[in-house]
């Protein structure tokens, strides 16, 4: 009952309203002459320095779902949940050189989205459209999962109703507020709120890693309790160490997730908002601090086992493991601190949800609306279209959470990773080479997406018989006599790359026209103060228009 959580609710509401006020104030923070331009509304004027970018990108990548779902996975399955830690460790060396090239070419040409870059690099509206649609589709379940994180906190505090609308009314109100200040302030809102969000999360986790062992007789007792639980179900759980059947799935999922992380449009949005290449380099060196924090967060799943936490139930009667961390705080912490922890999770959902909706809206505006619906759109019209689309994206995420089982939304997030990985050849490799034929990249995308979706369909929940039940593909489906699984996204992107390479050789041998390239080598090394940036166009040339001369 909510009356048992009055102090927690009061603290949660006060902090939530405070950051909402910051969100509306952000429209006046570092205010430009006008916000009716995607460079200002969607990228914060491309002027964020080291600290702002660090909090913005960190707040975007390490979400409320990370706070809730990673320990929930350890609670339910054991060591497999730790895959999120190594993948966030290896990602930063991988993208250190990639992101500075993306920043330079984007600032040189005024790109706002990864599809803008693909449009210019390969001069292919079709390929750019596929990249845009892929980004939007992959981002939608990610936004919905931020709602799942907030909902787990609201459920723990007893703020639920019996009917569908009553059960989701608090989260609808929260996202309506988010939509309002994102509409008015753009990227400046999550950039400013990220400071509060990250400070709260760091405080909560650092207190937890010292306080919880003291309450639960030390980390040794916590690990022993987790090991004892998993020993009872060795056929379906790992224990505190991986079993032999999960090792292939573990490393392919970690590698695939690492490759996918900065392909998401919202990840690139924070990077493109930086003011120079040095900011990005320093952030890629400093952001692993969040990986350390993530490792500590993951251990909360084992602490919940030692504390005897029993997950709340979903509407269909199944256990909702997403509630284990809020329940852990509710059980072991004083009410006032539990309220702060709940606010950290709730506010932690607002930052990434805002950035994700902005990124998805920019993809629609620049690569669908402007390319196909209104080629002569002015900067003000582009900004207006993005603002409206950001509202629609949030509404779609709300509808998804209200009418779909939350556990299914988790599966869709894993599917989202498979989907966004199919942009790797065009976006990731395209930053380094123009060797791939644009037609071959389209063929590779079709092949990778087709294989990926087929494999995802073959992943069946053994209890419900439902397809698309995750991203761990059983190798027995290929005739192997084994219980091992492999990450679908890893296989799909390998197929994508193989088809793209073979098709490139075939198309080039047949002398099929490949179009041109609106970028040049020096574009990938441009930095703040480069004289060429002052004359850079603010939008890519529409389909059929001549590409601007990169020298003038």
Protein backbone atom coordinates (compact mmCIF):
# COMPACT_ATOMS: atom_id res chain seq x y z
CA UNK A 1 0.00 0.00 0.00
CA UNK A 2 1.20 3.49 -0.82
CA UNK A 3 0.45 4.71 2.72
CA UNK A 4 3.37 2.61 3.95
CA UNK A 5 5.69 4.62 1.71
CA UNK A 6 4.55 8.19 2.30
CA UNK A 7 8.03 9.58 3.12
CA UNK A 8 9.59 7.78 0.13
CA UNK A 9 6.85 9.09 -2.17
CA UNK A 10 7.26 12.64 -0.86
CA UNK A 11 11.03 12.64 -1.46
CA UNK A 12 10.58 11.05 -4.88
CA UNK A 13 8.00 13.65 -5.94
CA UNK A 14 10.03 16.61 -4.62
CA UNK A 15 13.20 15.55 -6.44
CA UNK A 16 11.25 14.67 -9.60
CA UNK A 17 9.56 18.08 -9.68
CA UNK A 18 12.89 19.79 -8.96
CA UNK A 19 14.60 18.24 -11.98
CA UNK A 20 11.52 18.97 -14.09
CA UNK A 21 11.94 22.61 -13.15
CA UNK A 22 15.59 22.37 -14.23
CA UNK A 23 14.38 20.90 -17.52
CA UNK A 24 12.18 23.92 -18.23
CA UNK A 25 14.92 26.31 -17.09
CA UNK A 26 17.30 24.69 -19.58
CA UNK A 27 15.55 26.57 -22.38
CA UNK A 28 17.21 29.73 -20.96
CA UNK A 29 20.57 28.09 -20.19
CA UNK A 30 23.20 29.15 -22.72
CA UNK A 31 20.26 30.35 -24.78
CA UNK A 32 20.98 31.11 -28.45
CA UNK A 33 19.14 33.66 -30.55
CA UNK A 34 16.67 30.94 -31.50
CA UNK A 35 15.98 27.29 -30.75
CA UNK A 36 14.23 26.91 -34.11
CA UNK A 37 17.19 25.10 -35.62
CA UNK A 38 18.22 21.46 -35.23
CA UNK A 39 21.80 22.49 -34.39
CA UNK A 40 20.42 24.32 -31.36
CA UNK A 41 17.34 22.31 -30.34
CA UNK A 42 18.68 18.86 -31.22
CA UNK A 43 22.43 19.30 -30.59
CA UNK A 44 22.65 22.05 -27.99
CA UNK A 45 24.46 24.37 -30.36
CA UNK A 46 27.27 21.83 -30.86
CA UNK A 47 29.06 23.64 -28.03
CA UNK A 48 29.22 21.31 -25.00
CA UNK A 49 32.55 21.07 -23.23
CA UNK A 50 34.19 18.20 -21.36
CA UNK A 51 32.13 18.08 -18.17
CA UNK A 52 28.75 18.59 -19.83
CA UNK A 53 29.53 15.97 -22.46
CA UNK A 54 30.76 13.52 -19.83
CA UNK A 55 27.55 13.74 -17.84
CA UNK A 56 25.38 13.85 -20.97
CA UNK A 57 26.91 10.82 -22.70
CA UNK A 58 27.24 8.90 -19.44
CA UNK A 59 23.65 9.70 -18.52
CA UNK A 60 22.56 8.60 -21.98
CA UNK A 61 24.38 5.24 -22.00
CA UNK A 62 23.91 4.20 -18.36
CA UNK A 63 20.17 4.36 -18.00
CA UNK A 64 17.54 3.59 -15.39
CA UNK A 65 17.13 0.25 -17.12
CA UNK A 66 20.81 -0.45 -16.45
CA UNK A 67 20.22 0.42 -12.80
CA UNK A 68 17.28 -1.99 -12.65
CA UNK A 69 17.77 -4.73 -15.25
CA UNK A 70 21.45 -5.65 -14.92
CA UNK A 71 21.14 -6.61 -11.23
CA UNK A 72 17.75 -8.19 -12.02
CA UNK A 73 19.46 -10.45 -14.57
CA UNK A 74 22.10 -11.45 -12.02
CA UNK A 75 19.34 -12.07 -9.48
CA UNK A 76 17.48 -14.39 -11.85
CA UNK A 77 20.24 -16.04 -13.90
CA UNK A 78 23.59 -15.52 -12.25
CA UNK A 79 26.92 -14.68 -13.86
CA UNK A 80 25.48 -14.22 -17.37
CA UNK A 81 24.24 -10.81 -16.25
CA UNK A 82 27.81 -9.57 -15.98
CA UNK A 83 28.10 -9.40 -19.79
CA UNK A 84 27.21 -5.70 -19.51
CA UNK A 85 30.42 -4.98 -17.60
CA UNK A 86 33.04 -6.26 -20.09
CA UNK A 87 31.17 -4.85 -23.07
CA UNK A 88 31.23 -1.36 -21.56
CA UNK A 89 34.95 -1.84 -20.86
CA UNK A 90 35.95 -2.80 -24.41
CA UNK A 91 33.70 -0.29 -26.17
CA UNK A 92 35.72 2.84 -25.45
CA UNK A 93 39.01 1.73 -27.03
CA UNK A 94 36.98 0.53 -30.03
CA UNK A 95 35.25 3.86 -30.61
CA UNK A 96 38.07 6.21 -29.54
CA UNK A 97 39.13 6.82 -33.14
CA UNK A 98 35.72 6.23 -34.71
CA UNK A 99 33.83 8.98 -32.91
CA UNK A 100 36.32 11.77 -33.56
CA UNK A 101 36.04 11.05 -37.29
CA UNK A 102 32.25 11.16 -37.07
CA UNK A 103 32.41 14.46 -35.16
CA UNK A 104 34.75 16.06 -37.71
CA UNK A 105 32.88 15.07 -40.86
CA UNK A 106 29.53 15.95 -39.23
CA UNK A 107 30.69 19.42 -38.21
CA UNK A 108 32.25 20.00 -41.61
CA UNK A 109 29.03 19.16 -43.46
CA UNK A 110 26.38 20.01 -40.86
CA UNK A 111 25.27 16.40 -40.31
CA UNK A 112 22.80 15.86 -37.46
CA UNK A 113 22.21 12.11 -37.80
CA UNK A 114 24.23 9.04 -38.88
CA UNK A 115 21.90 8.74 -41.88
CA UNK A 116 22.99 12.24 -42.95
CA UNK A 117 26.56 10.95 -43.08
CA UNK A 118 25.58 7.85 -45.06
CA UNK A 119 23.58 9.98 -47.49
CA UNK A 120 26.65 12.08 -48.29
CA UNK A 121 29.29 9.34 -48.08
CA UNK A 122 27.55 6.97 -50.49
CA UNK A 123 25.18 9.42 -52.23
CA UNK A 124 22.38 6.92 -51.76
CA UNK A 125 18.97 8.17 -50.52
CA UNK A 126 17.80 4.54 -50.30
CA UNK A 127 20.64 3.48 -48.01
CA UNK A 128 20.19 6.61 -45.89
CA UNK A 129 16.47 5.85 -45.57
CA UNK A 130 17.23 2.30 -44.39
CA UNK A 131 19.69 3.63 -41.81
CA UNK A 132 17.12 6.15 -40.55
CA UNK A 133 14.32 3.61 -40.25
CA UNK A 134 16.66 1.15 -38.55
CA UNK A 135 17.68 3.77 -35.99
CA UNK A 136 14.09 4.74 -35.21
CA UNK A 137 12.89 1.14 -34.86
CA UNK A 138 15.84 0.14 -32.66
CA UNK A 139 15.40 3.19 -30.41
CA UNK A 140 11.68 2.83 -29.68
CA UNK A 141 11.90 -0.19 -27.32
CA UNK A 142 14.88 1.46 -25.62
CA UNK A 143 12.67 4.44 -24.73
CA UNK A 144 9.96 2.08 -23.52
CA UNK A 145 12.44 0.40 -21.21
CA UNK A 146 13.09 3.69 -19.43
CA UNK A 147 9.40 3.60 -18.55
CA UNK A 148 9.84 0.06 -17.22
CA UNK A 149 12.56 1.36 -14.91
CA UNK A 150 10.33 4.12 -13.52
CA UNK A 151 7.41 1.71 -13.25
CA UNK A 152 9.43 -0.72 -11.11
CA UNK A 153 9.96 2.09 -8.59
CA UNK A 154 6.32 3.20 -8.64
CA UNK A 155 5.19 -0.40 -8.18
CA UNK A 156 7.49 -0.82 -5.18
CA UNK A 157 6.03 2.32 -3.58
CA UNK A 158 2.52 0.97 -4.12
CA UNK A 159 1.51 3.67 -6.58
CA UNK A 160 -0.55 1.38 -8.78
CA UNK A 161 -4.19 0.82 -9.56
CA UNK A 162 -6.33 -2.15 -10.50
CA UNK A 163 -7.19 -1.10 -14.04
CA UNK A 164 -4.83 -0.64 -16.97
CA UNK A 165 -5.12 3.17 -17.02
CA UNK A 166 -4.96 3.54 -13.23
CA UNK A 167 -1.89 1.32 -13.04
CA UNK A 168 -0.03 3.42 -15.58
CA UNK A 169 -1.39 6.90 -14.75
CA UNK A 170 1.66 8.04 -12.69
CA UNK A 171 4.05 7.09 -15.46
CA UNK A 172 1.87 8.82 -18.04
CA UNK A 173 2.01 12.02 -15.96
CA UNK A 174 5.80 11.72 -15.58
CA UNK A 175 6.33 11.33 -19.31
CA UNK A 176 3.93 14.15 -20.10
CA UNK A 177 6.17 16.44 -18.02
CA UNK A 178 9.23 15.03 -19.79
CA UNK A 179 7.62 15.66 -23.17
CA UNK A 180 6.84 19.26 -22.24
CA UNK A 181 10.32 20.32 -21.20
CA UNK A 182 12.01 18.35 -23.99
CA UNK A 183 9.77 20.14 -26.50
CA UNK A 184 10.70 23.55 -25.10
CA UNK A 185 14.38 23.03 -24.23
CA UNK A 186 15.64 20.31 -26.59
CA UNK A 187 18.98 18.66 -25.78
CA UNK A 188 19.83 21.32 -23.22
CA UNK A 189 17.26 19.79 -20.83
CA UNK A 190 18.81 16.31 -20.47
CA UNK A 191 22.30 17.87 -20.52
CA UNK A 192 21.49 19.95 -17.45
CA UNK A 193 19.47 17.25 -15.67
CA UNK A 194 22.28 14.73 -16.22
CA UNK A 195 24.35 16.50 -13.56
CA UNK A 196 21.69 15.84 -10.90
CA UNK A 197 20.98 12.32 -12.13
CA UNK A 198 24.58 11.14 -12.07
CA UNK A 199 25.36 12.69 -8.69
CA UNK A 200 22.33 10.95 -7.17
CA UNK A 201 23.26 7.58 -8.69
CA UNK A 202 26.90 7.81 -7.60
CA UNK A 203 25.84 8.67 -4.04
CA UNK A 204 23.28 5.87 -3.86
CA UNK A 205 25.59 3.18 -5.23
CA UNK A 206 28.64 4.16 -3.19
CA UNK A 207 26.54 4.16 -0.03
CA UNK A 208 25.00 0.83 -1.01
CA UNK A 209 28.29 -1.02 -1.59
CA UNK A 210 29.41 -0.16 1.94
CA UNK A 211 26.07 -0.27 3.76
CA UNK A 212 24.65 -3.48 2.31
CA UNK A 213 27.60 -5.77 3.19
CA UNK A 214 27.45 -4.43 6.74
CA UNK A 215 23.77 -5.39 6.93
CA UNK A 216 24.23 -8.76 5.17
CA UNK A 217 27.37 -10.02 6.99
CA UNK A 218 29.88 -9.15 4.28
CA UNK A 219 30.40 -9.87 0.60
CA UNK A 220 31.44 -13.43 1.35
CA UNK A 221 28.02 -14.19 2.80
CA UNK A 222 26.34 -12.44 -0.15
CA UNK A 223 28.20 -14.58 -2.71
CA UNK A 224 27.55 -17.74 -0.69
CA UNK A 225 23.80 -17.01 -0.62
CA UNK A 226 23.74 -16.44 -4.37
CA UNK A 227 25.74 -19.60 -5.05
CA UNK A 228 23.38 -21.63 -2.86
CA UNK A 229 20.33 -20.33 -4.73
CA UNK A 230 21.71 -21.09 -8.19
CA UNK A 231 22.94 -24.53 -7.15
CA UNK A 232 19.29 -25.58 -6.82
CA UNK A 233 18.60 -24.88 -10.53
CA UNK A 234 21.81 -25.74 -12.43
CA UNK A 235 19.90 -26.55 -15.61
CA UNK A 236 18.54 -23.02 -16.04
CA UNK A 237 20.97 -20.74 -14.17
CA UNK A 238 24.71 -20.17 -14.14
CA UNK A 239 25.63 -19.64 -10.54
CA UNK A 240 28.18 -16.99 -9.68
CA UNK A 241 30.42 -18.32 -12.48
CA UNK A 242 29.55 -19.03 -16.12
CA UNK A 243 28.76 -22.58 -17.12
CA UNK A 244 30.19 -24.10 -20.29
CA UNK A 245 26.96 -23.75 -22.25
CA UNK A 246 26.80 -19.96 -21.90
CA UNK A 247 30.36 -18.98 -22.76
CA UNK A 248 29.81 -18.55 -26.52
CA UNK A 249 26.63 -16.55 -25.90
CA UNK A 250 28.46 -14.46 -23.29
CA UNK A 251 31.38 -13.30 -25.40
CA UNK A 252 29.38 -12.83 -28.62
CA UNK A 253 26.74 -10.83 -26.73
CA UNK A 254 29.40 -8.69 -25.05
CA UNK A 255 31.22 -8.02 -28.35
CA UNK A 256 28.01 -7.46 -30.32
CA UNK A 257 26.62 -5.10 -27.68
CA UNK A 258 29.89 -3.15 -27.66
CA UNK A 259 29.79 -2.72 -31.45
CA UNK A 260 26.12 -1.69 -31.28
CA UNK A 261 26.31 0.84 -28.46
CA UNK A 262 27.56 3.87 -30.39
CA UNK A 263 25.59 2.97 -33.50
CA UNK A 264 22.42 3.96 -31.65
CA UNK A 265 21.42 7.44 -32.83
CA UNK A 266 21.05 8.75 -29.28
CA UNK A 267 24.65 7.79 -28.48
CA UNK A 268 25.91 9.79 -31.45
CA UNK A 269 23.69 12.76 -30.54
CA UNK A 270 25.66 13.40 -27.35
CA UNK A 271 28.93 13.06 -29.25
CA UNK A 272 27.92 15.48 -32.02
CA UNK A 273 26.92 18.05 -29.39
CA UNK A 274 30.57 18.28 -28.27
CA UNK A 275 32.48 21.41 -29.24
CA UNK A 276 35.69 19.76 -30.46
CA UNK A 277 37.60 16.52 -30.97
CA UNK A 278 39.53 16.92 -27.73
CA UNK A 279 36.32 16.77 -25.70
CA UNK A 280 35.46 13.42 -27.27
CA UNK A 281 38.93 11.98 -26.70
CA UNK A 282 38.94 12.98 -23.04
CA UNK A 283 35.46 11.55 -22.57
CA UNK A 284 36.31 8.23 -24.16
CA UNK A 285 39.21 8.05 -21.67
CA UNK A 286 37.07 9.03 -18.65
CA UNK A 287 33.76 7.27 -19.35
CA UNK A 288 35.07 3.84 -18.17
CA UNK A 289 34.47 5.25 -14.67
CA UNK A 290 30.82 4.48 -15.38
CA UNK A 291 31.79 0.88 -16.12
CA UNK A 292 33.23 0.64 -12.62
CA UNK A 293 29.93 1.96 -11.31
CA UNK A 294 28.05 -0.57 -13.43
CA UNK A 295 30.03 -3.42 -11.85
CA UNK A 296 28.94 -2.23 -8.42
CA UNK A 297 25.33 -1.89 -9.59
CA UNK A 298 25.36 -5.45 -10.92
CA UNK A 299 26.33 -6.83 -7.51
CA UNK A 300 23.03 -5.51 -6.11
CA UNK A 301 21.41 -8.56 -7.75
CA UNK A 302 23.41 -10.90 -5.51
CA UNK A 303 22.74 -8.66 -2.51
CA UNK A 304 19.00 -8.96 -3.17
CA UNK A 305 19.34 -12.76 -3.01
CA UNK A 306 21.15 -12.59 0.34
CA UNK A 307 18.50 -10.18 1.65
CA UNK A 308 15.71 -12.63 0.74
CA UNK A 309 13.99 -10.23 -1.66
CA UNK A 310 10.93 -11.69 -3.39
CA UNK A 311 10.01 -9.90 -6.64
CA UNK A 312 6.57 -8.38 -7.02
CA UNK A 313 4.19 -9.87 -9.55
CA UNK A 314 3.29 -8.63 -13.00
CA UNK A 315 -0.36 -8.23 -13.95
CA UNK A 316 -0.27 -11.75 -15.44
CA UNK A 317 1.08 -13.26 -12.23
CA UNK A 318 4.69 -13.81 -13.34
CA UNK A 319 7.56 -12.51 -11.17
CA UNK A 320 8.72 -9.01 -12.07
CA UNK A 321 12.47 -9.24 -11.49
CA UNK A 322 12.81 -5.55 -12.39
CA UNK A 323 11.53 -4.75 -8.88
CA UNK A 324 14.34 -6.52 -6.97
CA UNK A 325 16.61 -3.44 -6.61
CA UNK A 326 13.83 -1.08 -5.45
CA UNK A 327 12.64 -3.79 -3.04
CA UNK A 328 16.20 -4.22 -1.76
CA UNK A 329 16.41 -0.52 -0.95
CA UNK A 330 12.95 -0.59 0.61
CA UNK A 331 13.86 -3.53 2.83
CA UNK A 332 17.29 -2.51 4.09
CA UNK A 333 17.56 1.28 3.88
CA UNK A 334 15.81 3.98 5.94
CA UNK A 335 12.74 5.39 4.22
CA UNK A 336 14.37 8.75 3.50
CA UNK A 337 17.33 7.19 1.72
CA UNK A 338 15.11 4.74 -0.15
CA UNK A 339 13.21 7.76 -1.45
CA UNK A 340 16.46 9.27 -2.76
CA UNK A 341 17.36 5.95 -4.41
CA UNK A 342 13.94 5.77 -6.08
CA UNK A 343 14.39 9.32 -7.36
CA UNK A 344 17.81 8.37 -8.76
CA UNK A 345 16.20 5.58 -10.79
CA UNK A 346 13.29 7.75 -11.92
CA UNK A 347 15.45 10.73 -12.89
CA UNK A 348 17.91 8.30 -14.46
CA UNK A 349 15.15 7.35 -16.88
CA UNK A 350 14.42 10.92 -17.92
CA UNK A 351 17.85 11.77 -19.33
CA UNK A 352 18.20 8.87 -21.81
CA UNK A 353 14.50 8.94 -22.71
CA UNK A 354 14.77 12.61 -23.67
CA UNK A 355 17.93 12.11 -25.73
CA UNK A 356 16.53 9.01 -27.43
CA UNK A 357 13.33 10.77 -28.43
CA UNK A 358 15.31 13.75 -29.79
CA UNK A 359 17.61 11.44 -31.79
CA UNK A 360 14.69 9.47 -33.26
CA UNK A 361 12.88 12.69 -34.12
CA UNK A 362 15.96 14.09 -35.86
CA UNK A 363 16.26 10.94 -37.96
CA UNK A 364 12.67 11.32 -39.10
CA UNK A 365 13.03 15.03 -39.82
CA UNK A 366 16.34 15.02 -41.68
CA UNK A 367 16.12 11.71 -43.51
CA UNK A 368 12.40 11.18 -44.14
CA UNK A 369 10.56 14.50 -43.80
CA UNK A 370 13.19 16.65 -45.53
CA UNK A 371 14.36 14.02 -48.01
CA UNK A 372 10.94 12.84 -49.20
CA UNK A 373 8.16 15.07 -47.89
CA UNK A 374 9.45 18.66 -47.92
CA UNK A 375 12.79 19.08 -49.65
CA UNK A 376 12.78 22.87 -49.29
CA UNK A 377 12.13 22.80 -45.53
CA UNK A 378 13.66 25.74 -43.68
CA UNK A 379 15.70 25.23 -40.48
CA UNK A 380 12.69 26.45 -38.46
CA UNK A 381 10.40 23.94 -40.17
CA UNK A 382 12.90 21.16 -39.50
CA UNK A 383 13.05 22.07 -35.82
CA UNK A 384 9.24 22.19 -35.61
CA UNK A 385 8.92 18.77 -37.25
CA UNK A 386 11.48 17.30 -34.83
CA UNK A 387 9.69 18.74 -31.81
CA UNK A 388 6.38 17.23 -32.90
CA UNK A 389 7.98 13.90 -33.76
CA UNK A 390 9.68 13.72 -30.36
CA UNK A 391 6.22 13.93 -28.78
CA UNK A 392 4.92 11.15 -31.02
CA UNK A 393 7.91 8.94 -30.19
CA UNK A 394 7.27 9.32 -26.46
CA UNK A 395 3.58 8.62 -26.97
CA UNK A 396 4.44 5.45 -28.89
CA UNK A 397 6.69 4.29 -26.06
CA UNK A 398 3.88 4.93 -23.56
CA UNK A 399 1.41 2.93 -25.62
CA UNK A 400 3.92 0.12 -25.82
CA UNK A 401 4.40 -0.10 -22.05
CA UNK A 402 0.70 0.25 -21.26
CA UNK A 403 -0.47 -2.53 -23.54
CA UNK A 404 2.51 -4.92 -23.74
CA UNK A 405 3.90 -7.24 -21.06
CA UNK A 406 7.06 -5.56 -19.63
CA UNK A 407 8.99 -8.80 -19.99
CA UNK A 408 8.27 -8.70 -23.73
CA UNK A 409 9.66 -5.17 -23.90
CA UNK A 410 12.93 -6.47 -22.44
CA UNK A 411 13.10 -9.05 -25.22
CA UNK A 412 12.49 -6.29 -27.75
CA UNK A 413 15.40 -4.28 -26.35
CA UNK A 414 17.66 -7.24 -27.08
CA UNK A 415 16.14 -7.40 -30.55
CA UNK A 416 16.90 -3.68 -30.90
CA UNK A 417 20.59 -4.44 -30.53
CA UNK A 418 20.38 -6.99 -33.36
CA UNK A 419 18.64 -4.42 -35.55
CA UNK A 420 21.00 -1.49 -34.97
CA UNK A 421 24.06 -3.70 -35.59
CA UNK A 422 23.02 -3.92 -39.25
CA UNK A 423 24.09 -0.29 -39.68
CA UNK A 424 27.71 -1.14 -38.80
CA UNK A 425 29.02 -1.58 -42.39
CA UNK A 426 27.57 1.71 -43.66
CA UNK A 427 28.09 3.89 -40.57
CA UNK A 428 31.01 2.37 -38.65
CA UNK A 429 33.15 1.11 -41.52
CA UNK A 430 31.98 3.90 -43.80
CA UNK A 431 33.93 6.33 -41.63
CA UNK A 432 37.16 4.62 -42.68
CA UNK A 433 36.56 3.31 -46.19
CA UNK A 434 34.49 3.96 -49.30
CA UNK A 435 35.36 0.52 -50.68
CA UNK A 436 31.88 -0.97 -50.25
CA UNK A 437 29.49 -0.44 -53.16
CA UNK A 438 26.34 1.36 -52.10
CA UNK A 439 24.16 -1.33 -53.69
CA UNK A 440 26.15 -3.99 -51.85
CA UNK A 441 25.53 -2.25 -48.53
CA UNK A 442 21.80 -2.34 -49.21
CA UNK A 443 22.06 -6.06 -50.07
CA UNK A 444 24.09 -6.69 -46.91
CA UNK A 445 21.52 -4.84 -44.79
CA UNK A 446 18.70 -6.92 -46.27
CA UNK A 447 20.61 -10.18 -45.73
CA UNK A 448 21.69 -9.36 -42.19
CA UNK A 449 18.25 -8.14 -41.18
CA UNK A 450 16.57 -11.16 -42.75
CA UNK A 451 18.88 -13.68 -41.07
CA UNK A 452 18.65 -11.82 -37.77
CA UNK A 453 14.86 -11.71 -37.72
CA UNK A 454 14.63 -15.38 -38.73
CA UNK A 455 16.98 -16.38 -35.90
CA UNK A 456 15.07 -14.21 -33.43
CA UNK A 457 11.83 -15.88 -34.48
CA UNK A 458 13.39 -19.27 -33.72
CA UNK A 459 14.12 -18.20 -30.13
CA UNK A 460 11.12 -19.60 -28.28
CA UNK A 461 10.14 -19.21 -24.64
CA UNK A 462 9.85 -22.82 -23.39
CA UNK A 463 7.16 -21.88 -20.88
CA UNK A 464 4.82 -19.81 -23.05
CA UNK A 465 5.82 -21.03 -26.52
CA UNK A 466 6.18 -17.39 -27.61
CA UNK A 467 8.61 -16.55 -30.43
CA UNK A 468 11.03 -13.59 -30.32
CA UNK A 469 11.75 -14.50 -26.70
CA UNK A 470 15.29 -13.11 -26.58
CA UNK A 471 18.52 -12.97 -28.54
CA UNK A 472 20.22 -16.24 -27.49
CA UNK A 473 19.95 -18.53 -30.53
CA UNK A 474 20.27 -22.27 -29.74
CA UNK A 475 22.99 -23.86 -31.85
CA UNK A 476 20.95 -27.07 -31.84
CA UNK A 477 18.77 -25.37 -34.49
CA UNK A 478 21.76 -25.73 -36.84
CA UNK A 479 22.14 -29.43 -36.06
CA UNK A 480 24.81 -29.15 -33.35
CA UNK A 481 24.48 -31.61 -30.48
CA UNK A 482 24.91 -28.98 -27.80
CA UNK A 483 22.98 -26.76 -25.43
CA UNK A 484 25.13 -23.75 -26.31
CA UNK A 485 23.65 -20.56 -27.67
CA UNK A 486 25.03 -17.60 -29.63
CA UNK A 487 24.04 -13.94 -29.83
CA UNK A 488 21.84 -13.39 -32.88
CA UNK A 489 23.27 -9.95 -33.61
CA UNK A 490 26.80 -11.31 -33.93
CA UNK A 491 25.77 -13.84 -36.57
CA UNK A 492 23.56 -11.37 -38.43
CA UNK A 493 26.24 -8.70 -38.76
CA UNK A 494 28.79 -11.27 -39.96
CA UNK A 495 26.31 -12.29 -42.68
CA UNK A 496 25.72 -8.62 -43.47
CA UNK A 497 29.44 -7.96 -43.91
CA UNK A 498 30.02 -11.11 -45.98
CA UNK A 499 27.17 -10.31 -48.38
CA UNK A 500 28.25 -6.66 -48.66
CA UNK A 501 31.84 -7.69 -49.48
CA UNK A 502 30.88 -10.33 -52.05
CA UNK A 503 28.25 -8.10 -53.67
CA UNK A 504 30.78 -5.26 -53.88
CA UNK A 505 33.20 -7.48 -55.83
CA UNK A 506 30.40 -8.61 -58.15
CA UNK A 507 29.02 -5.10 -58.78
CA UNK A 508 32.45 -3.61 -59.36
CA UNK A 509 33.40 -6.38 -61.77
CA UNK A 510 30.15 -5.68 -63.64
CA UNK A 511 31.00 -1.95 -63.70
CA UNK A 512 27.71 -1.00 -62.00
CA UNK A 513 27.62 2.73 -61.23
CA UNK A 514 28.39 3.48 -57.59
CA UNK A 515 27.64 7.17 -57.30
CA UNK A 516 30.09 9.57 -55.70
CA UNK A 517 31.27 10.70 -52.29
CA UNK A 518 30.46 14.19 -50.97
CA UNK A 519 33.18 13.94 -48.33
CA UNK A 520 36.94 14.09 -48.68
CA UNK A 521 39.81 12.81 -46.55
CA UNK A 522 40.49 16.09 -44.71
CA UNK A 523 36.86 16.26 -43.55
CA UNK A 524 37.55 13.45 -41.08
CA UNK A 525 40.24 15.47 -39.27
CA UNK A 526 38.59 18.90 -39.07
CA UNK A 527 38.48 20.44 -35.60
CA UNK A 528 37.10 23.46 -33.79
CA UNK A 529 38.42 26.63 -35.35
CA UNK A 530 38.97 25.04 -38.75
CA UNK A 531 38.23 27.85 -41.23
CA UNK A 532 36.24 25.46 -43.42
CA UNK A 533 33.66 24.95 -40.69
CA UNK A 534 32.40 28.52 -40.88
CA UNK A 535 30.97 27.97 -44.37
CA UNK A 536 29.69 24.44 -43.76
CA UNK A 537 26.09 23.91 -44.86
CA UNK A 538 23.56 23.36 -42.09
CA UNK A 539 21.74 20.61 -43.93
CA UNK A 540 22.77 17.94 -46.42
CA UNK A 541 21.78 18.46 -50.03
CA UNK A 542 18.35 16.99 -50.79
CA UNK A 543 17.98 14.09 -53.16
CA UNK A 544 18.90 15.05 -56.68
CA UNK A 545 20.72 18.25 -55.69
CA UNK A 546 24.39 18.80 -56.36
CA UNK A 547 26.66 18.14 -53.43
CA UNK A 548 28.40 21.26 -52.10
CA UNK A 549 32.06 21.73 -52.93
CA UNK A 550 33.89 20.76 -49.70
CA UNK A 551 36.70 23.20 -50.43
CA UNK A 552 34.69 26.41 -50.64
